[in-house]
PDB file of N, CA and C in Angstrom:
ATOM      1  N   MET A   1      -5.420-162.177  -9.500  1.00  0.00           N
ATOM      2  CA  MET A   1      -5.585-163.616  -9.697  1.00  0.00           C
ATOM      3  C   MET A   1      -6.290-163.881 -11.033  1.00  0.00           C
ATOM      4  N   LYS A   2      -5.793-164.876 -11.731  1.00  0.00           N
ATOM      5  CA  LYS A   2      -6.416-165.317 -12.964  1.00  0.00           C
ATOM      6  C   LYS A   2      -7.499-166.343 -12.646  1.00  0.00           C
ATOM      7  N   ARG A   3      -8.281-166.646 -13.663  1.00  0.00           N
ATOM      8  CA  ARG A   3      -9.328-167.657 -13.527  1.00  0.00           C
ATOM      9  C   ARG A   3      -9.074-168.787 -14.512  1.00  0.00           C
ATOM     10  N   CYS A   4      -9.503-169.975 -14.123  1.00  0.00           N
ATOM     11  CA  CYS A   4      -9.423-171.136 -15.009  1.00  0.00           C
ATOM     12  C   CYS A   4     -10.250-170.843 -16.252  1.00  0.00           C
ATOM     13  N   LYS A   5      -9.712-171.156 -17.418  1.00  0.00           N
ATOM     14  CA  LYS A   5     -10.411-170.865 -18.668  1.00  0.00           C
ATOM     15  C   LYS A   5     -11.692-171.685 -18.831  1.00  0.00           C
ATOM     16  N   TYR A   6     -11.771-172.814 -18.146  1.00  0.00           N
ATOM     17  CA  TYR A   6     -12.950-173.661 -18.313  1.00  0.00           C
ATOM     18  C   TYR A   6     -13.988-173.464 -17.213  1.00  0.00           C
ATOM     19  N   CYS A   7     -13.575-173.626 -15.962  1.00  0.00           N
ATOM     20  CA  CYS A   7     -14.575-173.597 -14.878  1.00  0.00           C
ATOM     21  C   CYS A   7     -14.684-172.239 -14.189  1.00  0.00           C
ATOM     22  N   GLY A   8     -13.693-171.372 -14.371  1.00  0.00           N
ATOM     23  CA  GLY A   8     -13.774-170.033 -13.802  1.00  0.00           C
ATOM     24  C   GLY A   8     -13.258-169.907 -12.375  1.00  0.00           C
ATOM     25  N   LYS A   9     -12.696-170.972 -11.813  1.00  0.00           N
ATOM     26  CA  LYS A   9     -12.138-170.888 -10.458  1.00  0.00           C
ATOM     27  C   LYS A   9     -10.867-170.047 -10.477  1.00  0.00           C
ATOM     28  N   GLN A  10     -10.596-169.371  -9.380  1.00  0.00           N
ATOM     29  CA  GLN A  10      -9.377-168.571  -9.298  1.00  0.00           C
ATOM     30  C   GLN A  10      -8.159-169.484  -9.197  1.00  0.00           C
ATOM     31  N   ILE A  11      -7.127-169.123  -9.975  1.00  0.00           N
ATOM     32  CA  ILE A  11      -5.905-169.921 -10.012  1.00  0.00           C
ATOM     33  C   ILE A  11      -4.688-168.992  -9.953  1.00  0.00           C
ATOM     34  N   GLU A  12      -3.511-169.579  -9.894  1.00  0.00           N
ATOM     35  CA  GLU A  12      -2.282-168.800  -9.889  1.00  0.00           C
ATOM     36  C   GLU A  12      -2.092-168.127 -11.248  1.00  0.00           C
ATOM     37  N   ASP A  13      -1.351-167.035 -11.270  1.00  0.00           N
ATOM     38  CA  ASP A  13      -1.137-166.283 -12.504  1.00  0.00           C
ATOM     39  C   ASP A  13      -0.382-167.067 -13.569  1.00  0.00           C
ATOM     40  N   SER A  14       0.414-168.026 -13.172  1.00  0.00           N
ATOM     41  CA  SER A  14       1.222-168.776 -14.138  1.00  0.00           C
ATOM     42  C   SER A  14       0.447-169.898 -14.830  1.00  0.00           C
ATOM     43  N   LEU A  15      -0.726-170.236 -14.349  1.00  0.00           N
ATOM     44  CA  LEU A  15      -1.513-171.336 -14.902  1.00  0.00           C
ATOM     45  C   LEU A  15      -2.661-170.822 -15.772  1.00  0.00           C
ATOM     46  N   GLU A  16      -3.179-171.704 -16.643  1.00  0.00           N
ATOM     47  CA  GLU A  16      -4.360-171.366 -17.433  1.00  0.00           C
ATOM     48  C   GLU A  16      -5.581-172.174 -16.988  1.00  0.00           C
ATOM     49  N   PHE A  17      -5.350-173.368 -16.434  1.00  0.00           N
ATOM     50  CA  PHE A  17      -6.426-174.255 -16.008  1.00  0.00           C
ATOM     51  C   PHE A  17      -6.137-174.743 -14.595  1.00  0.00           C
ATOM     52  N   CYS A  18      -7.201-175.036 -13.844  1.00  0.00           N
ATOM     53  CA  CYS A  18      -7.006-175.514 -12.472  1.00  0.00           C
ATOM     54  C   CYS A  18      -6.668-177.000 -12.436  1.00  0.00           C
ATOM     55  N   LYS A  19      -7.154-177.778 -13.394  1.00  0.00           N
ATOM     56  CA  LYS A  19      -6.910-179.217 -13.457  1.00  0.00           C
ATOM     57  C   LYS A  19      -6.680-179.617 -14.911  1.00  0.00           C
ATOM     58  N   SER A  20      -6.097-180.763 -15.106  1.00  0.00           N
ATOM     59  CA  SER A  20      -5.900-181.259 -16.477  1.00  0.00           C
ATOM     60  C   SER A  20      -7.252-181.627 -17.104  1.00  0.00           C
ATOM     61  N   LYS A  21      -8.207-182.017 -16.277  1.00  0.00           N
ATOM     62  CA  LYS A  21      -9.562-182.342 -16.762  1.00  0.00           C
ATOM     63  C   LYS A  21     -10.212-181.094 -17.383  1.00  0.00           C
ATOM     64  N   CYS A  22     -10.008-179.938 -16.741  1.00  0.00           N
ATOM     65  CA  CYS A  22     -10.545-178.688 -17.282  1.00  0.00           C
ATOM     66  C   CYS A  22      -9.910-178.369 -18.628  1.00  0.00           C
ATOM     67  N   LYS A  23      -8.630-178.630 -18.742  1.00  0.00           N
ATOM     68  CA  LYS A  23      -7.922-178.372 -20.001  1.00  0.00           C
ATOM     69  C   LYS A  23      -8.469-179.263 -21.115  1.00  0.00           C
ATOM     70  N   GLU A  24      -8.690-180.540 -20.813  1.00  0.00           N
ATOM     71  CA  GLU A  24      -9.245-181.475 -21.793  1.00  0.00           C
ATOM     72  C   GLU A  24     -10.661-181.066 -22.202  1.00  0.00           C
ATOM     73  N   ASN A  25     -11.492-180.731 -21.220  1.00  0.00           N
ATOM     74  CA  ASN A  25     -12.873-180.320 -21.505  1.00  0.00           C
ATOM     75  C   ASN A  25     -12.916-179.046 -22.342  1.00  0.00           C
ATOM     76  N   TYR A  26     -12.022-178.109 -22.041  1.00  0.00           N
ATOM     77  CA  TYR A  26     -11.958-176.847 -22.786  1.00  0.00           C
ATOM     78  C   TYR A  26     -11.587-177.104 -24.248  1.00  0.00           C
ATOM     79  N   LYS A  27     -10.624-177.996 -24.464  1.00  0.00           N
ATOM     80  CA  LYS A  27     -10.202-178.318 -25.830  1.00  0.00           C
ATOM     81  C   LYS A  27     -11.339-178.998 -26.602  1.00  0.00           C
ATOM     82  N   LYS A  28     -12.014-179.962 -25.970  1.00  0.00           N
ATOM     83  CA  LYS A  28     -13.135-180.647 -26.621  1.00  0.00           C
ATOM     84  C   LYS A  28     -14.269-179.678 -26.943  1.00  0.00           C
ATOM     85  N   ALA A  29     -14.576-178.790 -26.005  1.00  0.00           N
ATOM     86  CA  ALA A  29     -15.655-177.824 -26.209  1.00  0.00           C
ATOM     87  C   ALA A  29     -15.319-176.866 -27.344  1.00  0.00           C
ATOM     88  N   GLY A  30     -14.062-176.449 -27.427  1.00  0.00           N
ATOM     89  CA  GLY A  30     -13.644-175.555 -28.500  1.00  0.00           C
ATOM     90  C   GLY A  30     -13.776-176.197 -29.865  1.00  0.00           C
ATOM     91  N   GLU A  31     -13.413-177.466 -29.966  1.00  0.00           N
ATOM     92  CA  GLU A  31     -13.558-178.188 -31.233  1.00  0.00           C
ATOM     93  C   GLU A  31     -15.025-178.332 -31.614  1.00  0.00           C
ATOM     94  N   CYS A  32     -15.866-178.647 -30.655  1.00  0.00           N
ATOM     95  CA  CYS A  32     -17.303-178.796 -30.902  1.00  0.00           C
ATOM     96  C   CYS A  32     -17.925-177.463 -31.309  1.00  0.00           C
ATOM     97  N   ASP A  33     -17.525-176.400 -30.617  1.00  0.00           N
ATOM     98  CA  ASP A  33     -18.064-175.073 -30.924  1.00  0.00           C
ATOM     99  C   ASP A  33     -17.687-174.616 -32.320  1.00  0.00           C
ATOM    100  N   SER A  34     -16.476-174.909 -32.742  1.00  0.00           N
ATOM    101  CA  SER A  34     -16.045-174.457 -34.065  1.00  0.00           C
ATOM    102  C   SER A  34     -16.864-175.137 -35.172  1.00  0.00           C
ATOM    103  N   ARG A  35     -17.297-176.366 -34.945  1.00  0.00           N
ATOM    104  CA  ARG A  35     -18.137-177.059 -35.926  1.00  0.00           C
ATOM    105  C   ARG A  35     -19.553-176.480 -35.976  1.00  0.00           C
ATOM    106  N   LYS A  36     -20.034-175.948 -34.844  1.00  0.00           N
ATOM    107  CA  LYS A  36     -21.407-175.449 -34.772  1.00  0.00           C
ATOM    108  C   LYS A  36     -21.536-173.964 -35.100  1.00  0.00           C
ATOM    109  N   MET A  37     -20.433-173.283 -35.326  1.00  0.00           N
ATOM    110  CA  MET A  37     -20.466-171.846 -35.555  1.00  0.00           C
ATOM    111  C   MET A  37     -21.298-171.477 -36.790  1.00  0.00           C
ATOM    112  N   LYS A  38     -21.249-172.292 -37.837  1.00  0.00           N
ATOM    113  CA  LYS A  38     -22.013-171.983 -39.052  1.00  0.00           C
ATOM    114  C   LYS A  38     -23.521-172.002 -38.776  1.00  0.00           C
ATOM    115  N   TYR A  39     -23.965-172.861 -37.872  1.00  0.00           N
ATOM    116  CA  TYR A  39     -25.381-172.897 -37.531  1.00  0.00           C
ATOM    117  C   TYR A  39     -25.786-171.669 -36.723  1.00  0.00           C
ATOM    118  N   PHE A  40     -24.895-171.236 -35.845  1.00  0.00           N
ATOM    119  CA  PHE A  40     -25.156-170.031 -35.067  1.00  0.00           C
ATOM    120  C   PHE A  40     -25.284-168.817 -35.990  1.00  0.00           C
ATOM    121  N   ILE A  41     -24.351-168.674 -36.905  1.00  0.00           N
ATOM    122  CA  ILE A  41     -24.376-167.532 -37.825  1.00  0.00           C
ATOM    123  C   ILE A  41     -25.623-167.595 -38.703  1.00  0.00           C
ATOM    124  N   SER A  42     -25.970-168.782 -39.177  1.00  0.00           N
ATOM    125  CA  SER A  42     -27.174-168.934 -40.017  1.00  0.00           C
ATOM    126  C   SER A  42     -28.433-168.577 -39.237  1.00  0.00           C
ATOM    127  N   GLY A  43     -28.539-169.039 -38.001  1.00  0.00           N
ATOM    128  CA  GLY A  43     -29.709-168.744 -37.175  1.00  0.00           C
ATOM    129  C   GLY A  43     -29.842-167.262 -36.874  1.00  0.00           C
ATOM    130  N   MET A  44     -28.724-166.621 -36.552  1.00  0.00           N
ATOM    131  CA  MET A  44     -28.756-165.184 -36.264  1.00  0.00           C
ATOM    132  C   MET A  44     -29.088-164.387 -37.523  1.00  0.00           C
ATOM    133  N   ALA A  45     -28.520-164.792 -38.667  1.00  0.00           N
ATOM    134  CA  ALA A  45     -28.795-164.090 -39.921  1.00  0.00           C
ATOM    135  C   ALA A  45     -30.264-164.241 -40.313  1.00  0.00           C
ATOM    136  N   LEU A  46     -30.818-165.437 -40.150  1.00  0.00           N
ATOM    137  CA  LEU A  46     -32.230-165.658 -40.461  1.00  0.00           C
ATOM    138  C   LEU A  46     -33.120-164.827 -39.546  1.00  0.00           C
ATOM    139  N   GLY A  47     -32.812-164.828 -38.257  1.00  0.00           N
ATOM    140  CA  GLY A  47     -33.586-164.027 -37.306  1.00  0.00           C
ATOM    141  C   GLY A  47     -33.516-162.540 -37.634  1.00  0.00           C
ATOM    142  N   PHE A  48     -32.324-162.058 -37.985  1.00  0.00           N
ATOM    143  CA  PHE A  48     -32.174-160.644 -38.339  1.00  0.00           C
ATOM    144  C   PHE A  48     -32.930-160.322 -39.618  1.00  0.00           C
ATOM    145  N   LEU A  49     -32.902-161.233 -40.594  1.00  0.00           N
ATOM    146  CA  LEU A  49     -33.622-161.015 -41.849  1.00  0.00           C
ATOM    147  C   LEU A  49     -35.123-160.931 -41.604  1.00  0.00           C
ATOM    148  N   VAL A  50     -35.652-161.825 -40.779  1.00  0.00           N
ATOM    149  CA  VAL A  50     -37.079-161.785 -40.437  1.00  0.00           C
ATOM    150  C   VAL A  50     -37.399-160.505 -39.674  1.00  0.00           C
ATOM    151  N   LEU A  51     -36.539-160.119 -38.753  1.00  0.00           N
ATOM    152  CA  LEU A  51     -36.718-158.876 -38.004  1.00  0.00           C
ATOM    153  C   LEU A  51     -36.729-157.675 -38.947  1.00  0.00           C
ATOM    154  N   PHE A  52     -35.804-157.646 -39.885  1.00  0.00           N
ATOM    155  CA  PHE A  52     -35.728-156.544 -40.850  1.00  0.00           C
ATOM    156  C   PHE A  52     -36.985-156.484 -41.722  1.00  0.00           C
ATOM    157  N   CYS A  53     -37.469-157.656 -42.155  1.00  0.00           N
ATOM    158  CA  CYS A  53     -38.710-157.697 -42.946  1.00  0.00           C
ATOM    159  C   CYS A  53     -39.885-157.170 -42.129  1.00  0.00           C
ATOM    160  N   GLY A  54     -39.917-157.490 -40.856  1.00  0.00           N
ATOM    161  CA  GLY A  54     -40.975-156.991 -39.974  1.00  0.00           C
ATOM    162  C   GLY A  54     -40.924-155.489 -39.824  1.00  0.00           C
ATOM    163  N   VAL A  55     -39.714-154.933 -39.738  1.00  0.00           N
ATOM    164  CA  VAL A  55     -39.568-153.481 -39.637  1.00  0.00           C
ATOM    165  C   VAL A  55     -40.052-152.826 -40.927  1.00  0.00           C
ATOM    166  N   CYS A  56     -39.660-153.389 -42.068  1.00  0.00           N
ATOM    167  CA  CYS A  56     -40.080-152.829 -43.363  1.00  0.00           C
ATOM    168  C   CYS A  56     -41.592-152.915 -43.552  1.00  0.00           C
ATOM    169  N   ALA A  57     -42.183-154.017 -43.076  1.00  0.00           N
ATOM    170  CA  ALA A  57     -43.624-154.201 -43.221  1.00  0.00           C
ATOM    171  C   ALA A  57     -44.404-153.478 -42.122  1.00  0.00           C
ATOM    172  N   GLY A  58     -43.735-153.068 -41.078  1.00  0.00           N
ATOM    173  CA  GLY A  58     -44.410-152.405 -39.962  1.00  0.00           C
ATOM    174  C   GLY A  58     -45.227-153.365 -39.116  1.00  0.00           C
ATOM    175  N   SER A  59     -44.824-154.631 -39.092  1.00  0.00           N
ATOM    176  CA  SER A  59     -45.566-155.657 -38.365  1.00  0.00           C
ATOM    177  C   SER A  59     -44.818-156.066 -37.103  1.00  0.00           C
ATOM    178  N   ASN A  60     -45.442-155.838 -35.952  1.00  0.00           N
ATOM    179  CA  ASN A  60     -44.834-156.244 -34.690  1.00  0.00           C
ATOM    180  C   ASN A  60     -44.728-157.763 -34.579  1.00  0.00           C
ATOM    181  N   THR A  61     -45.676-158.489 -35.145  1.00  0.00           N
ATOM    182  CA  THR A  61     -45.658-159.943 -35.080  1.00  0.00           C
ATOM    183  C   THR A  61     -44.445-160.506 -35.804  1.00  0.00           C
ATOM    184  N   ILE A  62     -44.150-159.979 -36.986  1.00  0.00           N
ATOM    185  CA  ILE A  62     -43.000-160.458 -37.750  1.00  0.00           C
ATOM    186  C   ILE A  62     -41.701-160.054 -37.045  1.00  0.00           C
ATOM    187  N   MET A  63     -41.656-158.834 -36.504  1.00  0.00           N
ATOM    188  CA  MET A  63     -40.467-158.407 -35.764  1.00  0.00           C
ATOM    189  C   MET A  63     -40.243-159.312 -34.555  1.00  0.00           C
ATOM    190  N   GLY A  64     -41.301-159.613 -33.826  1.00  0.00           N
ATOM    191  CA  GLY A  64     -41.203-160.488 -32.660  1.00  0.00           C
ATOM    192  C   GLY A  64     -40.729-161.881 -33.035  1.00  0.00           C
ATOM    193  N   THR A  65     -41.195-162.375 -34.188  1.00  0.00           N
ATOM    194  CA  THR A  65     -40.763-163.686 -34.664  1.00  0.00           C
ATOM    195  C   THR A  65     -39.259-163.699 -34.930  1.00  0.00           C
ATOM    196  N   GLY A  66     -38.741-162.645 -35.523  1.00  0.00           N
ATOM    197  CA  GLY A  66     -37.307-162.548 -35.780  1.00  0.00           C
ATOM    198  C   GLY A  66     -36.506-162.536 -34.489  1.00  0.00           C
ATOM    199  N   ILE A  67     -36.983-161.800 -33.503  1.00  0.00           N
ATOM    200  CA  ILE A  67     -36.289-161.746 -32.217  1.00  0.00           C
ATOM    201  C   ILE A  67     -36.365-163.102 -31.518  1.00  0.00           C
ATOM    202  N   VAL A  68     -37.498-163.762 -31.611  1.00  0.00           N
ATOM    203  CA  VAL A  68     -37.644-165.096 -31.013  1.00  0.00           C
ATOM    204  C   VAL A  68     -36.671-166.078 -31.682  1.00  0.00           C
ATOM    205  N   LEU A  69     -36.536-166.011 -33.004  1.00  0.00           N
ATOM    206  CA  LEU A  69     -35.590-166.886 -33.704  1.00  0.00           C
ATOM    207  C   LEU A  69     -34.157-166.659 -33.217  1.00  0.00           C
ATOM    208  N   MET A  70     -33.797-165.399 -33.027  1.00  0.00           N
ATOM    209  CA  MET A  70     -32.456-165.111 -32.517  1.00  0.00           C
ATOM    210  C   MET A  70     -32.300-165.611 -31.083  1.00  0.00           C
ATOM    211  N   GLY A  71     -33.346-165.475 -30.271  1.00  0.00           N
ATOM    212  CA  GLY A  71     -33.303-165.967 -28.900  1.00  0.00           C
ATOM    213  C   GLY A  71     -33.133-167.476 -28.832  1.00  0.00           C
ATOM    214  N   ILE A  72     -33.857-168.192 -29.679  1.00  0.00           N
ATOM    215  CA  ILE A  72     -33.745-169.652 -29.719  1.00  0.00           C
ATOM    216  C   ILE A  72     -32.337-170.062 -30.150  1.00  0.00           C
ATOM    217  N   THR A  73     -31.787-169.337 -31.126  1.00  0.00           N
ATOM    218  CA  THR A  73     -30.421-169.619 -31.579  1.00  0.00           C
ATOM    219  C   THR A  73     -29.423-169.448 -30.441  1.00  0.00           C
ATOM    220  N   VAL A  74     -29.565-168.372 -29.678  1.00  0.00           N
ATOM    221  CA  VAL A  74     -28.634-168.111 -28.574  1.00  0.00           C
ATOM    222  C   VAL A  74     -28.826-169.126 -27.450  1.00  0.00           C
ATOM    223  N   ILE A  75     -30.046-169.573 -27.221  1.00  0.00           N
ATOM    224  CA  ILE A  75     -30.287-170.582 -26.181  1.00  0.00           C
ATOM    225  C   ILE A  75     -29.637-171.912 -26.581  1.00  0.00           C
ATOM    226  N   LEU A  76     -29.811-172.313 -27.834  1.00  0.00           N
ATOM    227  CA  LEU A  76     -29.264-173.592 -28.291  1.00  0.00           C
ATOM    228  C   LEU A  76     -27.750-173.557 -28.484  1.00  0.00           C
ATOM    229  N   LEU A  77     -27.237-172.408 -28.939  1.00  0.00           N
ATOM    230  CA  LEU A  77     -25.805-172.267 -29.214  1.00  0.00           C
ATOM    231  C   LEU A  77     -25.287-171.014 -28.502  1.00  0.00           C
ATOM    232  N   PRO A  78     -25.062-171.084 -27.206  1.00  0.00           N
ATOM    233  CA  PRO A  78     -24.705-169.884 -26.438  1.00  0.00           C
ATOM    234  C   PRO A  78     -23.223-169.511 -26.537  1.00  0.00           C
ATOM    235  N   PHE A  79     -22.798-169.068 -27.710  1.00  0.00           N
ATOM    236  CA  PHE A  79     -21.416-168.643 -27.879  1.00  0.00           C
ATOM    237  C   PHE A  79     -21.235-167.273 -27.251  1.00  0.00           C
ATOM    238  N   THR A  80     -20.132-167.100 -26.556  1.00  0.00           N
ATOM    239  CA  THR A  80     -19.845-165.824 -25.906  1.00  0.00           C
ATOM    240  C   THR A  80     -18.489-165.314 -26.376  1.00  0.00           C
ATOM    241  N   THR A  81     -18.222-164.068 -26.063  1.00  0.00           N
ATOM    242  CA  THR A  81     -16.980-163.444 -26.499  1.00  0.00           C
ATOM    243  C   THR A  81     -15.790-163.986 -25.692  1.00  0.00           C
ATOM    244  N   PRO A  82     -14.599-163.883 -26.247  1.00  0.00           N
ATOM    245  CA  PRO A  82     -13.415-164.309 -25.482  1.00  0.00           C
ATOM    246  C   PRO A  82     -13.254-163.531 -24.177  1.00  0.00           C
ATOM    247  N   GLU A  83     -13.660-162.269 -24.168  1.00  0.00           N
ATOM    248  CA  GLU A  83     -13.572-161.471 -22.949  1.00  0.00           C
ATOM    249  C   GLU A  83     -14.495-162.021 -21.858  1.00  0.00           C
ATOM    250  N   THR A  84     -15.694-162.435 -22.248  1.00  0.00           N
ATOM    251  CA  THR A  84     -16.628-163.017 -21.292  1.00  0.00           C
ATOM    252  C   THR A  84     -16.095-164.355 -20.769  1.00  0.00           C
ATOM    253  N   ASN A  85     -15.521-165.148 -21.672  1.00  0.00           N
ATOM    254  CA  ASN A  85     -14.920-166.417 -21.249  1.00  0.00           C
ATOM    255  C   ASN A  85     -13.782-166.181 -20.268  1.00  0.00           C
ATOM    256  N   ALA A  86     -12.954-165.164 -20.514  1.00  0.00           N
ATOM    257  CA  ALA A  86     -11.843-164.873 -19.615  1.00  0.00           C
ATOM    258  C   ALA A  86     -12.341-164.391 -18.252  1.00  0.00           C
ATOM    259  N   LEU A  87     -13.428-163.643 -18.250  1.00  0.00           N
ATOM    260  CA  LEU A  87     -13.961-163.095 -17.007  1.00  0.00           C
ATOM    261  C   LEU A  87     -14.668-164.152 -16.158  1.00  0.00           C
ATOM    262  N   LEU A  88     -15.475-164.988 -16.807  1.00  0.00           N
ATOM    263  CA  LEU A  88     -16.313-165.934 -16.076  1.00  0.00           C
ATOM    264  C   LEU A  88     -15.856-167.381 -16.157  1.00  0.00           C
ATOM    265  N   GLY A  89     -15.086-167.716 -17.168  1.00  0.00           N
ATOM    266  CA  GLY A  89     -14.780-169.116 -17.452  1.00  0.00           C
ATOM    267  C   GLY A  89     -15.780-169.632 -18.474  1.00  0.00           C
ATOM    268  N   TYR A  90     -15.393-170.655 -19.213  1.00  0.00           N
ATOM    269  CA  TYR A  90     -16.210-171.160 -20.321  1.00  0.00           C
ATOM    270  C   TYR A  90     -17.605-171.608 -19.879  1.00  0.00           C
ATOM    271  N   GLN A  91     -17.674-172.394 -18.810  1.00  0.00           N
ATOM    272  CA  GLN A  91     -18.967-172.926 -18.362  1.00  0.00           C
ATOM    273  C   GLN A  91     -19.918-171.821 -17.908  1.00  0.00           C
ATOM    274  N   ARG A  92     -19.446-170.910 -17.090  1.00  0.00           N
ATOM    275  CA  ARG A  92     -20.302-169.830 -16.600  1.00  0.00           C
ATOM    276  C   ARG A  92     -20.673-168.863 -17.709  1.00  0.00           C
ATOM    277  N   ALA A  93     -19.783-168.671 -18.673  1.00  0.00           N
ATOM    278  CA  ALA A  93     -20.091-167.795 -19.798  1.00  0.00           C
ATOM    279  C   ALA A  93     -21.219-168.388 -20.646  1.00  0.00           C
ATOM    280  N   ARG A  94     -21.207-169.706 -20.822  1.00  0.00           N
ATOM    281  CA  ARG A  94     -22.302-170.361 -21.562  1.00  0.00           C
ATOM    282  C   ARG A  94     -23.626-170.207 -20.812  1.00  0.00           C
ATOM    283  N   THR A  95     -23.588-170.336 -19.492  1.00  0.00           N
ATOM    284  CA  THR A  95     -24.805-170.149 -18.696  1.00  0.00           C
ATOM    285  C   THR A  95     -25.313-168.716 -18.837  1.00  0.00           C
ATOM    286  N   ALA A  96     -24.409-167.754 -18.792  1.00  0.00           N
ATOM    287  CA  ALA A  96     -24.796-166.351 -18.974  1.00  0.00           C
ATOM    288  C   ALA A  96     -25.362-166.130 -20.379  1.00  0.00           C
ATOM    289  N   GLY A  97     -24.768-166.764 -21.377  1.00  0.00           N
ATOM    290  CA  GLY A  97     -25.273-166.654 -22.743  1.00  0.00           C
ATOM    291  C   GLY A  97     -26.676-167.224 -22.873  1.00  0.00           C
ATOM    292  N   ARG A  98     -26.910-168.374 -22.263  1.00  0.00           N
ATOM    293  CA  ARG A  98     -28.253-168.970 -22.305  1.00  0.00           C
ATOM    294  C   ARG A  98     -29.271-168.086 -21.584  1.00  0.00           C
ATOM    295  N   THR A  99     -28.867-167.503 -20.476  1.00  0.00           N
ATOM    296  CA  THR A  99     -29.756-166.610 -19.739  1.00  0.00           C
ATOM    297  C   THR A  99     -30.139-165.408 -20.601  1.00  0.00           C
ATOM    298  N   LEU A 100     -29.170-164.838 -21.273  1.00  0.00           N
ATOM    299  CA  LEU A 100     -29.461-163.704 -22.165  1.00  0.00           C
ATOM    300  C   LEU A 100     -30.309-164.143 -23.358  1.00  0.00           C
ATOM    301  N   GLY A 101     -30.124-165.375 -23.816  1.00  0.00           N
ATOM    302  CA  GLY A 101     -30.971-165.906 -24.883  1.00  0.00           C
ATOM    303  C   GLY A 101     -32.427-166.023 -24.439  1.00  0.00           C
ATOM    304  N   ILE A 102     -32.637-166.443 -23.201  1.00  0.00           N
ATOM    305  CA  ILE A 102     -33.998-166.526 -22.654  1.00  0.00           C
ATOM    306  C   ILE A 102     -34.618-165.133 -22.584  1.00  0.00           C
ATOM    307  N   LEU A 103     -33.832-164.153 -22.151  1.00  0.00           N
ATOM    308  CA  LEU A 103     -34.339-162.775 -22.112  1.00  0.00           C
ATOM    309  C   LEU A 103     -34.670-162.264 -23.508  1.00  0.00           C
ATOM    310  N   LEU A 104     -33.853-162.631 -24.488  1.00  0.00           N
ATOM    311  CA  LEU A 104     -34.127-162.249 -25.877  1.00  0.00           C
ATOM    312  C   LEU A 104     -35.413-162.908 -26.376  1.00  0.00           C
ATOM    313  N   LEU A 105     -35.625-164.150 -26.012  1.00  0.00           N
ATOM    314  CA  LEU A 105     -36.855-164.859 -26.370  1.00  0.00           C
ATOM    315  C   LEU A 105     -38.073-164.175 -25.763  1.00  0.00           C
ATOM    316  N   ILE A 106     -37.984-163.810 -24.494  1.00  0.00           N
ATOM    317  CA  ILE A 106     -39.094-163.131 -23.833  1.00  0.00           C
ATOM    318  C   ILE A 106     -39.362-161.773 -24.477  1.00  0.00           C
ATOM    319  N   ALA A 107     -38.293-161.044 -24.807  1.00  0.00           N
ATOM    320  CA  ALA A 107     -38.460-159.746 -25.481  1.00  0.00           C
ATOM    321  C   ALA A 107     -39.144-159.915 -26.827  1.00  0.00           C
ATOM    322  N   GLY A 108     -38.804-160.989 -27.544  1.00  0.00           N
ATOM    323  CA  GLY A 108     -39.453-161.244 -28.829  1.00  0.00           C
ATOM    324  C   GLY A 108     -40.924-161.566 -28.682  1.00  0.00           C
ATOM    325  N   ILE A 109     -41.261-162.316 -27.650  1.00  0.00           N
ATOM    326  CA  ILE A 109     -42.667-162.640 -27.408  1.00  0.00           C
ATOM    327  C   ILE A 109     -43.451-161.370 -27.108  1.00  0.00           C
ATOM    328  N   PHE A 110     -42.908-160.519 -26.239  1.00  0.00           N
ATOM    329  CA  PHE A 110     -43.608-159.272 -25.907  1.00  0.00           C
ATOM    330  C   PHE A 110     -43.687-158.320 -27.094  1.00  0.00           C
ATOM    331  N   THR A 111     -42.674-158.322 -27.941  1.00  0.00           N
ATOM    332  CA  THR A 111     -42.708-157.477 -29.143  1.00  0.00           C
ATOM    333  C   THR A 111     -43.793-157.975 -30.096  1.00  0.00           C
ATOM    334  N   GLY A 112     -43.921-159.280 -30.233  1.00  0.00           N
ATOM    335  CA  GLY A 112     -44.924-159.841 -31.139  1.00  0.00           C
ATOM    336  C   GLY A 112     -46.337-159.671 -30.650  1.00  0.00           C
ATOM    337  N   ILE A 113     -46.531-159.530 -29.338  1.00  0.00           N
ATOM    338  CA  ILE A 113     -47.885-159.388 -28.775  1.00  0.00           C
ATOM    339  C   ILE A 113     -48.411-157.968 -29.004  1.00  0.00           C
ATOM    340  N   LYS A 114     -47.540-156.991 -28.975  1.00  0.00           N
ATOM    341  CA  LYS A 114     -48.000-155.593 -29.081  1.00  0.00           C
ATOM    342  C   LYS A 114     -48.783-155.340 -30.330  1.00  0.00           C
TER     343      LYS A 114
END
């Protein structure tokens, strides 16, 4: 059985969406996500740069700050892979992405405290 691309409900193999509303929401979300991708890449690059500077300086606080920046980016913009979207559906994949972003934020806080 396939899953709806938007909500993740099980559907027939010949369909992609369970309802026309899901199809509309999926299209709108895709357009919105494509506009926000540059912010996601910028946030991740900035977080990685700060993390790299922390590694070079040997500072746990700076490394933790970089990880926290990446966590905040993932929480605000929870983009997931197409495979994750196919497995869970768009909505559940975003929830999983936000959950992992929270874990990344917590890991950054603990790294900065050490």
